[in-house]
Amino acid sequence: MISPNFDDRPAGLPIDHLVLHYTGMRSAEVARARLCDPEAKVSAHYLIEEDGAIFPLVREDFRAWHAGVSYWRGVRNLNDRSIGIELVNPGHEFGYVPFPDVQIEALIRLCNGIFARHPINPRNVVGHSDIAPNRKQDPGEKFPWAALAGAGFGLWTEALVEPGDIVADLAAIGYDVSLDIGAVVAAFQRRFRPGRIDGGADHETRGRAASVRRLFGVD
């Protein structure tokens, strides 16, 4: 099944971002149907089921419609220059659960091929909540970012350094700090401090943000 929901990418732009999502629907079947429904006007390049089955939905050279209004590291409209991957998971609305190991193993295999084909820096591997913190929560706090980073795709740290200006740190990491800052902090926590997701800039959150900023190599 190939989704009809795609169009041409703008000429001259690299494919240099990878955006991860959860489906947030009751079943894989419902998710596949929606991603391939022309009335829905949503899609992704790939869908990975809980058993690790990978379904290509849109060719990588076309623009899939997965990111919506988005921003990361000065880039807006991430659909133009990203690959979108949906992981089957009921999400927060339908009983959010951990992602099975076999599903993450399939994601890592898929990433191996994507990274071989496109110039994607690990700091541009992001969740939907990173690029749209005022709208989205996926792939959520149960997504194993550390495992993905350990395989070379994305960045992760549990280190703490002396806290600085969290707004400046979040902006340097890549977040759109023109949005409600509580939502942006919560998105950062969901990604890098999943034990606390309240949008509060406490000492540990600020120390983690300063550490991630250093890891992302923006200073």
N, C-alpha and C. Protein backbone atom coordinates (compact mmCIF):
# COMPACT_ATOMS: atom_id res chain seq x y z
N MET A 1 0.86 -1.20 0.00
CA MET A 1 0.00 0.00 0.00
C MET A 1 0.89 1.24 0.00
N ILE A 2 0.70 2.12 -0.98
CA ILE A 2 1.49 3.33 -1.10
C ILE A 2 0.58 4.52 -0.88
N SER A 3 1.01 5.44 -0.04
CA SER A 3 0.17 6.60 0.26
C SER A 3 0.13 7.55 -0.93
N PRO A 4 -1.06 8.11 -1.23
CA PRO A 4 -1.15 9.14 -2.26
C PRO A 4 -0.83 10.53 -1.72
N ASN A 5 -0.53 10.62 -0.44
CA ASN A 5 -0.38 11.93 0.21
C ASN A 5 1.08 12.39 0.19
N PHE A 6 1.48 12.95 -0.94
CA PHE A 6 2.84 13.46 -1.08
C PHE A 6 2.83 14.47 -2.21
N ASP A 7 3.92 15.23 -2.30
CA ASP A 7 4.13 16.12 -3.43
C ASP A 7 5.63 16.29 -3.63
N ASP A 8 6.00 17.17 -4.56
CA ASP A 8 7.42 17.35 -4.87
C ASP A 8 8.12 18.15 -3.77
N ARG A 9 9.36 17.81 -3.52
CA ARG A 9 10.18 18.62 -2.63
C ARG A 9 10.64 19.88 -3.37
N PRO A 10 10.88 20.97 -2.63
CA PRO A 10 11.45 22.14 -3.28
C PRO A 10 12.82 21.82 -3.87
N ALA A 11 13.10 22.37 -5.02
CA ALA A 11 14.37 22.09 -5.69
C ALA A 11 15.53 22.65 -4.88
N GLY A 12 16.61 21.90 -4.86
CA GLY A 12 17.86 22.39 -4.31
C GLY A 12 18.06 22.20 -2.82
N LEU A 13 17.06 21.67 -2.12
CA LEU A 13 17.21 21.47 -0.68
C LEU A 13 17.72 20.07 -0.38
N PRO A 14 18.63 19.93 0.58
CA PRO A 14 19.07 18.59 0.98
C PRO A 14 18.00 17.90 1.83
N ILE A 15 18.07 16.60 1.89
CA ILE A 15 17.26 15.83 2.85
C ILE A 15 18.18 15.59 4.04
N ASP A 16 18.05 16.44 5.06
CA ASP A 16 19.04 16.43 6.13
C ASP A 16 18.43 16.39 7.53
N HIS A 17 17.16 15.99 7.64
CA HIS A 17 16.51 15.80 8.93
C HIS A 17 15.75 14.48 8.92
N LEU A 18 15.63 13.89 10.09
CA LEU A 18 14.82 12.68 10.29
C LEU A 18 13.86 12.97 11.43
N VAL A 19 12.56 12.82 11.19
CA VAL A 19 11.54 13.13 12.18
C VAL A 19 10.80 11.84 12.56
N LEU A 20 10.76 11.57 13.87
CA LEU A 20 10.13 10.36 14.39
C LEU A 20 8.78 10.70 15.02
N HIS A 21 7.81 9.83 14.78
CA HIS A 21 6.46 10.00 15.28
C HIS A 21 5.96 8.69 15.89
N TYR A 22 4.93 8.77 16.73
CA TYR A 22 4.10 7.58 16.95
C TYR A 22 2.78 7.81 16.24
N THR A 23 2.10 6.69 15.93
CA THR A 23 0.85 6.81 15.18
C THR A 23 -0.28 7.37 16.04
N GLY A 24 -0.31 7.03 17.33
CA GLY A 24 -1.33 7.54 18.22
C GLY A 24 -2.74 7.10 17.83
N MET A 25 -2.85 5.86 17.35
CA MET A 25 -4.15 5.34 16.93
C MET A 25 -4.34 3.96 17.55
N ARG A 26 -5.57 3.45 17.46
CA ARG A 26 -5.93 2.23 18.19
C ARG A 26 -5.22 0.98 17.67
N SER A 27 -4.84 0.96 16.42
CA SER A 27 -4.22 -0.25 15.85
C SER A 27 -3.36 0.13 14.66
N ALA A 28 -2.51 -0.81 14.26
CA ALA A 28 -1.68 -0.60 13.08
C ALA A 28 -2.55 -0.49 11.83
N GLU A 29 -3.62 -1.27 11.77
CA GLU A 29 -4.48 -1.25 10.60
C GLU A 29 -5.14 0.11 10.42
N VAL A 30 -5.62 0.67 11.53
CA VAL A 30 -6.24 1.99 11.47
C VAL A 30 -5.21 3.04 11.05
N ALA A 31 -4.00 2.92 11.58
CA ALA A 31 -2.95 3.89 11.24
C ALA A 31 -2.59 3.81 9.76
N ARG A 32 -2.40 2.59 9.24
CA ARG A 32 -2.07 2.43 7.82
C ARG A 32 -3.16 3.03 6.94
N ALA A 33 -4.40 2.75 7.31
CA ALA A 33 -5.52 3.26 6.51
C ALA A 33 -5.52 4.79 6.48
N ARG A 34 -5.26 5.40 7.63
CA ARG A 34 -5.28 6.86 7.67
C ARG A 34 -4.12 7.45 6.88
N LEU A 35 -2.94 6.88 7.01
CA LEU A 35 -1.78 7.39 6.30
C LEU A 35 -1.91 7.24 4.78
N CYS A 36 -2.82 6.39 4.35
CA CYS A 36 -3.03 6.16 2.93
C CYS A 36 -4.37 6.68 2.43
N ASP A 37 -5.07 7.42 3.26
CA ASP A 37 -6.38 7.98 2.91
C ASP A 37 -6.18 9.36 2.30
N PRO A 38 -6.56 9.56 1.04
CA PRO A 38 -6.35 10.87 0.43
C PRO A 38 -7.13 11.99 1.10
N GLU A 39 -8.20 11.64 1.80
CA GLU A 39 -8.97 12.66 2.50
C GLU A 39 -8.25 13.15 3.76
N ALA A 40 -7.41 12.29 4.34
CA ALA A 40 -6.72 12.65 5.58
C ALA A 40 -5.59 13.66 5.34
N LYS A 41 -4.98 13.58 4.18
CA LYS A 41 -3.88 14.50 3.82
C LYS A 41 -2.72 14.44 4.80
N VAL A 42 -2.45 13.24 5.30
CA VAL A 42 -1.27 13.01 6.14
C VAL A 42 -0.56 11.75 5.63
N SER A 43 0.73 11.69 5.87
CA SER A 43 1.50 10.52 5.44
C SER A 43 2.86 10.56 6.11
N ALA A 44 3.64 9.54 5.85
CA ALA A 44 5.04 9.49 6.26
C ALA A 44 5.76 8.66 5.21
N HIS A 45 7.07 8.69 5.25
CA HIS A 45 7.81 7.87 4.30
C HIS A 45 7.77 6.39 4.68
N TYR A 46 7.76 6.12 5.99
CA TYR A 46 7.76 4.73 6.46
C TYR A 46 6.84 4.58 7.67
N LEU A 47 6.30 3.39 7.80
CA LEU A 47 5.54 2.98 8.99
C LEU A 47 6.19 1.72 9.52
N ILE A 48 6.49 1.69 10.82
CA ILE A 48 7.08 0.49 11.43
C ILE A 48 6.08 -0.06 12.45
N GLU A 49 5.67 -1.30 12.25
CA GLU A 49 4.72 -1.92 13.16
C GLU A 49 5.43 -2.44 14.41
N GLU A 50 4.64 -2.83 15.38
CA GLU A 50 5.19 -3.26 16.67
C GLU A 50 6.02 -4.53 16.55
N ASP A 51 5.75 -5.36 15.52
CA ASP A 51 6.53 -6.58 15.33
C ASP A 51 7.76 -6.36 14.46
N GLY A 52 8.03 -5.09 14.10
CA GLY A 52 9.21 -4.76 13.32
C GLY A 52 8.99 -4.71 11.82
N ALA A 53 7.79 -5.02 11.35
CA ALA A 53 7.51 -4.94 9.91
C ALA A 53 7.58 -3.49 9.46
N ILE A 54 8.27 -3.26 8.35
CA ILE A 54 8.45 -1.91 7.81
C ILE A 54 7.64 -1.76 6.54
N PHE A 55 6.82 -0.72 6.47
CA PHE A 55 5.99 -0.45 5.30
C PHE A 55 6.44 0.86 4.67
N PRO A 56 7.06 0.83 3.49
CA PRO A 56 7.35 2.08 2.78
C PRO A 56 6.04 2.66 2.25
N LEU A 57 5.81 3.94 2.50
CA LEU A 57 4.56 4.58 2.10
C LEU A 57 4.77 5.67 1.05
N VAL A 58 5.87 6.40 1.15
CA VAL A 58 6.18 7.47 0.20
C VAL A 58 7.66 7.37 -0.14
N ARG A 59 8.00 7.50 -1.41
CA ARG A 59 9.41 7.48 -1.80
C ARG A 59 10.17 8.63 -1.15
N GLU A 60 11.41 8.38 -0.79
CA GLU A 60 12.19 9.38 -0.07
C GLU A 60 12.42 10.65 -0.87
N ASP A 61 12.42 10.58 -2.19
CA ASP A 61 12.66 11.78 -2.97
C ASP A 61 11.44 12.68 -3.08
N PHE A 62 10.29 12.22 -2.56
CA PHE A 62 9.10 13.06 -2.50
C PHE A 62 8.89 13.56 -1.07
N ARG A 63 8.10 14.59 -0.95
CA ARG A 63 7.77 15.17 0.36
C ARG A 63 6.52 14.51 0.91
N ALA A 64 6.69 13.81 2.02
CA ALA A 64 5.53 13.27 2.75
C ALA A 64 5.00 14.35 3.69
N TRP A 65 3.76 14.20 4.11
CA TRP A 65 3.09 15.23 4.91
C TRP A 65 2.97 14.78 6.35
N HIS A 66 4.03 14.93 7.10
CA HIS A 66 4.08 14.38 8.46
C HIS A 66 4.41 15.42 9.52
N ALA A 67 5.12 16.48 9.18
CA ALA A 67 5.63 17.41 10.19
C ALA A 67 4.71 18.58 10.46
N GLY A 68 3.98 19.04 9.45
CA GLY A 68 3.12 20.20 9.63
C GLY A 68 3.93 21.46 9.93
N VAL A 69 3.30 22.39 10.64
CA VAL A 69 3.99 23.62 11.04
C VAL A 69 5.11 23.24 12.00
N SER A 70 6.34 23.55 11.66
CA SER A 70 7.46 22.99 12.40
C SER A 70 8.68 23.89 12.29
N TYR A 71 9.63 23.65 13.23
CA TYR A 71 10.85 24.45 13.29
C TYR A 71 11.93 23.63 14.00
N TRP A 72 13.14 23.69 13.45
CA TRP A 72 14.29 23.10 14.14
C TRP A 72 15.57 23.74 13.63
N ARG A 73 16.33 24.34 14.55
CA ARG A 73 17.64 24.91 14.24
C ARG A 73 17.57 25.89 13.06
N GLY A 74 16.58 26.75 13.09
CA GLY A 74 16.45 27.77 12.06
C GLY A 74 15.71 27.35 10.81
N VAL A 75 15.36 26.08 10.72
CA VAL A 75 14.65 25.57 9.55
C VAL A 75 13.16 25.45 9.88
N ARG A 76 12.33 25.99 9.01
CA ARG A 76 10.89 25.84 9.14
C ARG A 76 10.37 24.90 8.06
N ASN A 77 9.13 24.43 8.23
CA ASN A 77 8.52 23.54 7.24
C ASN A 77 9.40 22.31 7.00
N LEU A 78 9.57 21.53 8.05
CA LEU A 78 10.48 20.38 8.00
C LEU A 78 10.09 19.34 6.96
N ASN A 79 8.84 19.33 6.52
CA ASN A 79 8.47 18.39 5.46
C ASN A 79 9.37 18.54 4.24
N ASP A 80 9.81 19.77 3.97
CA ASP A 80 10.58 20.04 2.76
C ASP A 80 11.88 19.25 2.71
N ARG A 81 12.48 18.99 3.87
CA ARG A 81 13.84 18.43 3.86
C ARG A 81 14.03 17.32 4.88
N SER A 82 12.98 16.57 5.14
CA SER A 82 13.09 15.50 6.14
C SER A 82 12.51 14.19 5.63
N ILE A 83 12.93 13.12 6.28
CA ILE A 83 12.30 11.81 6.18
C ILE A 83 11.43 11.64 7.41
N GLY A 84 10.20 11.20 7.25
CA GLY A 84 9.29 10.98 8.37
C GLY A 84 9.03 9.50 8.59
N ILE A 85 9.16 9.06 9.84
CA ILE A 85 8.92 7.66 10.20
C ILE A 85 7.87 7.61 11.29
N GLU A 86 6.82 6.83 11.05
CA GLU A 86 5.77 6.59 12.04
C GLU A 86 5.99 5.23 12.68
N LEU A 87 6.00 5.21 14.02
CA LEU A 87 6.08 3.95 14.76
C LEU A 87 4.70 3.65 15.35
N VAL A 88 4.20 2.45 15.09
CA VAL A 88 2.89 2.08 15.61
C VAL A 88 2.95 2.05 17.13
N ASN A 89 2.12 2.85 17.74
CA ASN A 89 1.99 2.93 19.20
C ASN A 89 0.69 3.66 19.47
N PRO A 90 -0.11 3.20 20.43
CA PRO A 90 -1.40 3.86 20.67
C PRO A 90 -1.27 5.29 21.15
N GLY A 91 -0.12 5.66 21.67
CA GLY A 91 0.09 7.04 22.09
C GLY A 91 -0.66 7.40 23.35
N HIS A 92 -0.55 8.64 23.74
CA HIS A 92 -1.10 9.08 25.02
C HIS A 92 -2.62 8.99 25.06
N GLU A 93 -3.27 9.07 23.92
CA GLU A 93 -4.73 9.07 23.91
C GLU A 93 -5.32 7.68 24.09
N PHE A 94 -4.60 6.65 23.63
CA PHE A 94 -5.17 5.31 23.61
C PHE A 94 -4.39 4.28 24.42
N GLY A 95 -3.62 4.74 25.42
CA GLY A 95 -2.92 3.79 26.28
C GLY A 95 -1.46 3.62 25.91
N TYR A 96 -0.72 4.69 26.01
CA TYR A 96 0.70 4.74 25.64
C TYR A 96 1.48 3.60 26.29
N VAL A 97 2.28 2.91 25.49
CA VAL A 97 3.06 1.76 25.96
C VAL A 97 4.51 1.90 25.48
N PRO A 98 5.45 1.20 26.13
CA PRO A 98 6.83 1.21 25.64
C PRO A 98 6.92 0.64 24.23
N PHE A 99 7.94 1.05 23.50
CA PHE A 99 8.17 0.57 22.15
C PHE A 99 8.91 -0.77 22.22
N PRO A 100 8.39 -1.83 21.59
CA PRO A 100 9.06 -3.14 21.67
C PRO A 100 10.47 -3.09 21.09
N ASP A 101 11.35 -3.92 21.66
CA ASP A 101 12.73 -3.97 21.18
C ASP A 101 12.80 -4.26 19.69
N VAL A 102 11.96 -5.18 19.21
CA VAL A 102 12.01 -5.57 17.80
C VAL A 102 11.63 -4.39 16.90
N GLN A 103 10.76 -3.53 17.38
CA GLN A 103 10.38 -2.34 16.61
C GLN A 103 11.55 -1.36 16.53
N ILE A 104 12.26 -1.17 17.63
CA ILE A 104 13.41 -0.27 17.64
C ILE A 104 14.55 -0.85 16.83
N GLU A 105 14.74 -2.15 16.87
CA GLU A 105 15.76 -2.78 16.03
C GLU A 105 15.47 -2.55 14.55
N ALA A 106 14.20 -2.64 14.18
CA ALA A 106 13.83 -2.37 12.78
C ALA A 106 14.09 -0.91 12.43
N LEU A 107 13.79 0.00 13.36
CA LEU A 107 14.05 1.42 13.14
C LEU A 107 15.54 1.65 12.90
N ILE A 108 16.38 1.03 13.69
CA ILE A 108 17.83 1.21 13.54
C ILE A 108 18.30 0.68 12.18
N ARG A 109 17.78 -0.46 11.76
CA ARG A 109 18.13 -0.97 10.42
C ARG A 109 17.71 0.01 9.34
N LEU A 110 16.51 0.55 9.48
CA LEU A 110 16.02 1.51 8.50
C LEU A 110 16.89 2.77 8.50
N CYS A 111 17.27 3.24 9.68
CA CYS A 111 18.13 4.42 9.79
C CYS A 111 19.48 4.19 9.12
N ASN A 112 20.00 2.99 9.21
CA ASN A 112 21.28 2.70 8.55
C ASN A 112 21.21 3.02 7.07
N GLY A 113 20.13 2.62 6.42
CA GLY A 113 19.98 2.89 5.00
C GLY A 113 19.74 4.37 4.72
N ILE A 114 18.89 5.00 5.52
CA ILE A 114 18.57 6.41 5.32
C ILE A 114 19.81 7.27 5.47
N PHE A 115 20.60 7.01 6.49
CA PHE A 115 21.81 7.80 6.71
C PHE A 115 22.84 7.55 5.61
N ALA A 116 22.84 6.38 5.02
CA ALA A 116 23.76 6.12 3.90
C ALA A 116 23.37 6.91 2.66
N ARG A 117 22.09 7.23 2.55
CA ARG A 117 21.59 7.92 1.36
C ARG A 117 21.53 9.44 1.49
N HIS A 118 21.52 9.94 2.73
CA HIS A 118 21.28 11.37 2.93
C HIS A 118 22.23 11.94 3.98
N PRO A 119 22.57 13.23 3.88
CA PRO A 119 23.52 13.86 4.81
C PRO A 119 22.83 14.35 6.08
N ILE A 120 22.44 13.43 6.94
CA ILE A 120 21.70 13.77 8.16
C ILE A 120 22.66 13.77 9.35
N ASN A 121 22.82 14.93 9.98
CA ASN A 121 23.62 15.03 11.20
C ASN A 121 22.82 14.45 12.36
N PRO A 122 23.44 13.71 13.27
CA PRO A 122 22.69 13.16 14.40
C PRO A 122 21.88 14.19 15.18
N ARG A 123 22.32 15.46 15.21
CA ARG A 123 21.57 16.46 15.96
C ARG A 123 20.28 16.86 15.25
N ASN A 124 20.11 16.40 14.01
CA ASN A 124 18.88 16.65 13.27
C ASN A 124 17.95 15.43 13.23
N VAL A 125 18.19 14.49 14.13
CA VAL A 125 17.24 13.41 14.37
C VAL A 125 16.35 13.86 15.52
N VAL A 126 15.09 14.08 15.24
CA VAL A 126 14.22 14.75 16.20
C VAL A 126 12.88 14.03 16.31
N GLY A 127 12.18 14.33 17.39
CA GLY A 127 10.81 13.88 17.55
C GLY A 127 9.85 14.96 17.08
N HIS A 128 8.63 14.55 16.80
CA HIS A 128 7.61 15.52 16.39
C HIS A 128 7.43 16.58 17.47
N SER A 129 7.55 16.17 18.72
CA SER A 129 7.39 17.14 19.81
C SER A 129 8.53 18.14 19.87
N ASP A 130 9.71 17.79 19.36
CA ASP A 130 10.82 18.74 19.32
C ASP A 130 10.54 19.87 18.33
N ILE A 131 9.96 19.53 17.20
CA ILE A 131 9.79 20.52 16.13
C ILE A 131 8.44 21.22 16.19
N ALA A 132 7.52 20.72 17.02
CA ALA A 132 6.20 21.34 17.19
C ALA A 132 5.75 21.20 18.64
N PRO A 133 6.50 21.79 19.58
CA PRO A 133 6.24 21.54 21.00
C PRO A 133 4.91 22.07 21.50
N ASN A 134 4.35 23.01 20.79
CA ASN A 134 3.05 23.55 21.19
C ASN A 134 1.89 22.69 20.71
N ARG A 135 2.17 21.66 19.88
CA ARG A 135 1.09 20.86 19.31
C ARG A 135 1.22 19.37 19.56
N LYS A 136 2.44 18.87 19.70
CA LYS A 136 2.65 17.43 19.64
C LYS A 136 3.41 16.89 20.86
N GLN A 137 3.18 15.60 21.16
CA GLN A 137 3.87 14.91 22.25
C GLN A 137 4.70 13.73 21.75
N ASP A 138 4.55 13.36 20.52
CA ASP A 138 5.17 12.12 20.03
C ASP A 138 6.62 12.33 19.56
N PRO A 139 7.42 11.27 19.61
CA PRO A 139 7.09 9.90 20.00
C PRO A 139 6.97 9.67 21.51
N GLY A 140 7.21 10.70 22.30
CA GLY A 140 6.91 10.62 23.72
C GLY A 140 8.05 10.17 24.61
N GLU A 141 7.77 10.24 25.91
CA GLU A 141 8.79 9.99 26.92
C GLU A 141 9.20 8.53 27.04
N LYS A 142 8.43 7.61 26.44
CA LYS A 142 8.81 6.19 26.49
C LYS A 142 9.66 5.78 25.29
N PHE A 143 9.89 6.69 24.38
CA PHE A 143 10.73 6.35 23.24
C PHE A 143 12.19 6.25 23.71
N PRO A 144 12.92 5.21 23.30
CA PRO A 144 14.29 4.98 23.80
C PRO A 144 15.35 5.77 23.03
N TRP A 145 15.39 7.07 23.29
CA TRP A 145 16.36 7.91 22.60
C TRP A 145 17.80 7.48 22.87
N ALA A 146 18.06 6.99 24.08
CA ALA A 146 19.43 6.58 24.40
C ALA A 146 19.87 5.41 23.52
N ALA A 147 18.98 4.45 23.30
CA ALA A 147 19.31 3.30 22.45
C ALA A 147 19.55 3.75 21.01
N LEU A 148 18.74 4.66 20.52
CA LEU A 148 18.91 5.14 19.15
C LEU A 148 20.23 5.89 19.02
N ALA A 149 20.54 6.73 19.99
CA ALA A 149 21.81 7.46 19.96
C ALA A 149 22.99 6.51 20.05
N GLY A 150 22.84 5.45 20.84
CA GLY A 150 23.90 4.47 20.96
C GLY A 150 24.22 3.77 19.65
N ALA A 151 23.21 3.72 18.76
CA ALA A 151 23.42 3.12 17.44
C ALA A 151 23.93 4.14 16.43
N GLY A 152 24.09 5.40 16.86
CA GLY A 152 24.63 6.42 15.99
C GLY A 152 23.62 7.36 15.38
N PHE A 153 22.37 7.26 15.83
CA PHE A 153 21.31 8.06 15.22
C PHE A 153 20.66 8.93 16.30
N GLY A 154 21.04 10.18 16.33
CA GLY A 154 20.54 11.08 17.36
C GLY A 154 21.56 11.23 18.47
N LEU A 155 21.24 12.12 19.41
CA LEU A 155 22.14 12.44 20.51
C LEU A 155 21.44 12.24 21.84
N TRP A 156 22.21 11.89 22.86
CA TRP A 156 21.66 11.65 24.18
C TRP A 156 22.74 11.91 25.22
N THR A 157 22.35 12.44 26.36
CA THR A 157 23.25 12.56 27.50
C THR A 157 22.44 12.58 28.77
N GLU A 158 23.00 12.04 29.82
CA GLU A 158 22.44 12.17 31.16
C GLU A 158 23.33 13.04 32.03
N ALA A 159 24.34 13.63 31.43
CA ALA A 159 25.26 14.46 32.19
C ALA A 159 24.60 15.78 32.58
N LEU A 160 25.09 16.35 33.68
CA LEU A 160 24.65 17.67 34.12
C LEU A 160 25.86 18.58 34.20
N VAL A 161 25.67 19.83 33.79
CA VAL A 161 26.70 20.83 33.97
C VAL A 161 26.07 22.02 34.66
N GLU A 162 26.86 23.01 34.96
CA GLU A 162 26.34 24.20 35.64
C GLU A 162 25.25 24.85 34.79
N PRO A 163 24.07 25.04 35.35
CA PRO A 163 22.97 25.62 34.56
C PRO A 163 23.28 27.02 34.08
N GLY A 164 22.73 27.31 32.91
CA GLY A 164 22.86 28.66 32.36
C GLY A 164 21.48 29.24 32.08
N ASP A 165 21.38 30.02 31.06
CA ASP A 165 20.12 30.61 30.61
C ASP A 165 19.38 29.55 29.80
N ILE A 166 18.32 28.98 30.35
CA ILE A 166 17.68 27.85 29.67
C ILE A 166 17.07 28.25 28.34
N VAL A 167 16.56 29.47 28.23
CA VAL A 167 15.99 29.89 26.96
C VAL A 167 17.08 29.94 25.89
N ALA A 168 18.23 30.50 26.23
CA ALA A 168 19.34 30.54 25.28
C ALA A 168 19.82 29.14 24.94
N ASP A 169 19.87 28.26 25.94
CA ASP A 169 20.30 26.88 25.69
C ASP A 169 19.33 26.15 24.78
N LEU A 170 18.04 26.28 25.03
CA LEU A 170 17.04 25.61 24.19
C LEU A 170 17.08 26.13 22.77
N ALA A 171 17.27 27.44 22.61
CA ALA A 171 17.37 28.01 21.28
C ALA A 171 18.60 27.47 20.55
N ALA A 172 19.72 27.36 21.26
CA ALA A 172 20.94 26.86 20.65
C ALA A 172 20.81 25.39 20.27
N ILE A 173 20.09 24.62 21.06
CA ILE A 173 19.86 23.21 20.74
C ILE A 173 19.05 23.09 19.46
N GLY A 174 18.06 23.97 19.30
CA GLY A 174 17.27 23.93 18.08
C GLY A 174 15.81 24.28 18.22
N TYR A 175 15.32 24.42 19.46
CA TYR A 175 13.90 24.63 19.70
C TYR A 175 13.46 26.04 19.32
N ASP A 176 12.18 26.16 19.01
CA ASP A 176 11.59 27.46 18.69
C ASP A 176 11.14 28.12 20.00
N VAL A 177 11.97 29.00 20.54
CA VAL A 177 11.68 29.62 21.83
C VAL A 177 10.75 30.82 21.70
N SER A 178 10.25 31.09 20.49
CA SER A 178 9.21 32.10 20.35
C SER A 178 7.85 31.56 20.78
N LEU A 179 7.74 30.25 20.93
CA LEU A 179 6.51 29.62 21.39
C LEU A 179 6.42 29.73 22.91
N ASP A 180 5.30 29.30 23.48
CA ASP A 180 5.15 29.26 24.94
C ASP A 180 6.32 28.50 25.54
N ILE A 181 7.08 29.15 26.40
CA ILE A 181 8.32 28.53 26.87
C ILE A 181 8.06 27.32 27.74
N GLY A 182 6.92 27.30 28.44
CA GLY A 182 6.59 26.11 29.22
C GLY A 182 6.42 24.89 28.34
N ALA A 183 5.79 25.07 27.18
CA ALA A 183 5.61 23.96 26.25
C ALA A 183 6.95 23.51 25.68
N VAL A 184 7.83 24.46 25.43
CA VAL A 184 9.15 24.12 24.90
C VAL A 184 9.97 23.36 25.94
N VAL A 185 9.95 23.82 27.19
CA VAL A 185 10.66 23.11 28.26
C VAL A 185 10.10 21.70 28.41
N ALA A 186 8.78 21.56 28.36
CA ALA A 186 8.17 20.23 28.49
C ALA A 186 8.61 19.32 27.35
N ALA A 187 8.72 19.86 26.14
CA ALA A 187 9.19 19.06 25.01
C ALA A 187 10.63 18.62 25.23
N PHE A 188 11.47 19.52 25.73
CA PHE A 188 12.85 19.16 26.05
C PHE A 188 12.88 18.07 27.11
N GLN A 189 12.07 18.21 28.15
CA GLN A 189 12.02 17.20 29.20
C GLN A 189 11.56 15.85 28.65
N ARG A 190 10.56 15.88 27.80
CA ARG A 190 10.04 14.64 27.23
C ARG A 190 11.14 13.89 26.48
N ARG A 191 12.03 14.63 25.89
CA ARG A 191 13.13 14.03 25.12
C ARG A 191 14.33 13.68 26.00
N PHE A 192 14.74 14.60 26.86
CA PHE A 192 16.01 14.44 27.57
C PHE A 192 15.89 14.26 29.07
N ARG A 193 14.70 14.46 29.63
CA ARG A 193 14.52 14.23 31.06
C ARG A 193 13.12 13.65 31.30
N PRO A 194 12.88 12.43 30.80
CA PRO A 194 11.52 11.88 30.78
C PRO A 194 10.94 11.60 32.16
N GLY A 195 11.74 11.66 33.19
CA GLY A 195 11.20 11.45 34.54
C GLY A 195 10.42 12.63 35.07
N ARG A 196 10.53 13.78 34.42
CA ARG A 196 9.79 14.95 34.86
C ARG A 196 9.38 15.76 33.64
N ILE A 197 8.08 15.84 33.40
CA ILE A 197 7.57 16.57 32.22
C ILE A 197 6.50 17.52 32.72
N ASP A 198 6.93 18.66 33.23
CA ASP A 198 5.98 19.62 33.78
C ASP A 198 6.20 21.03 33.24
N GLY A 199 7.17 21.20 32.36
CA GLY A 199 7.45 22.51 31.81
C GLY A 199 8.16 23.45 32.75
N GLY A 200 8.59 22.93 33.91
CA GLY A 200 9.26 23.76 34.90
C GLY A 200 10.77 23.73 34.73
N ALA A 201 11.39 24.88 34.79
CA ALA A 201 12.83 24.98 34.59
C ALA A 201 13.56 24.86 35.92
N ASP A 202 13.49 23.68 36.54
CA ASP A 202 14.19 23.45 37.80
C ASP A 202 15.69 23.28 37.53
N HIS A 203 16.45 23.13 38.59
CA HIS A 203 17.91 23.09 38.48
C HIS A 203 18.37 21.95 37.57
N GLU A 204 17.79 20.75 37.73
CA GLU A 204 18.25 19.62 36.91
C GLU A 204 17.89 19.82 35.44
N THR A 205 16.71 20.33 35.17
CA THR A 205 16.33 20.57 33.78
C THR A 205 17.28 21.58 33.14
N ARG A 206 17.61 22.65 33.88
CA ARG A 206 18.51 23.66 33.34
C ARG A 206 19.91 23.09 33.16
N GLY A 207 20.35 22.25 34.10
CA GLY A 207 21.66 21.63 33.95
C GLY A 207 21.71 20.66 32.80
N ARG A 208 20.62 19.94 32.57
CA ARG A 208 20.57 19.02 31.45
C ARG A 208 20.56 19.80 30.12
N ALA A 209 19.82 20.91 30.08
CA ALA A 209 19.78 21.70 28.85
C ALA A 209 21.17 22.26 28.51
N ALA A 210 21.88 22.73 29.53
CA ALA A 210 23.24 23.22 29.29
C ALA A 210 24.14 22.11 28.78
N SER A 211 23.96 20.89 29.31
CA SER A 211 24.76 19.75 28.87
C SER A 211 24.44 19.36 27.44
N VAL A 212 23.16 19.33 27.11
CA VAL A 212 22.76 18.97 25.75
C VAL A 212 23.27 20.01 24.75
N ARG A 213 23.24 21.26 25.15
CA ARG A 213 23.76 22.31 24.27
C ARG A 213 25.23 22.05 23.93
N ARG A 214 26.01 21.67 24.91
CA ARG A 214 27.40 21.36 24.66
C ARG A 214 27.52 20.14 23.76
N LEU A 215 26.69 19.12 23.99
CA LEU A 215 26.73 17.90 23.19
C LEU A 215 26.41 18.17 21.74
N PHE A 216 25.46 19.10 21.51
CA PHE A 216 25.06 19.40 20.14
C PHE A 216 26.10 20.23 19.40
N GLY A 217 27.14 20.65 20.12
CA GLY A 217 28.26 21.31 19.45
C GLY A 217 27.93 22.66 18.85
N VAL A 218 27.13 23.45 19.59
CA VAL A 218 26.72 24.73 19.02
C VAL A 218 27.50 25.89 19.61
N ASP A 219 28.40 25.67 20.54
CA ASP A 219 29.17 26.75 21.15
C ASP A 219 30.51 26.93 20.43
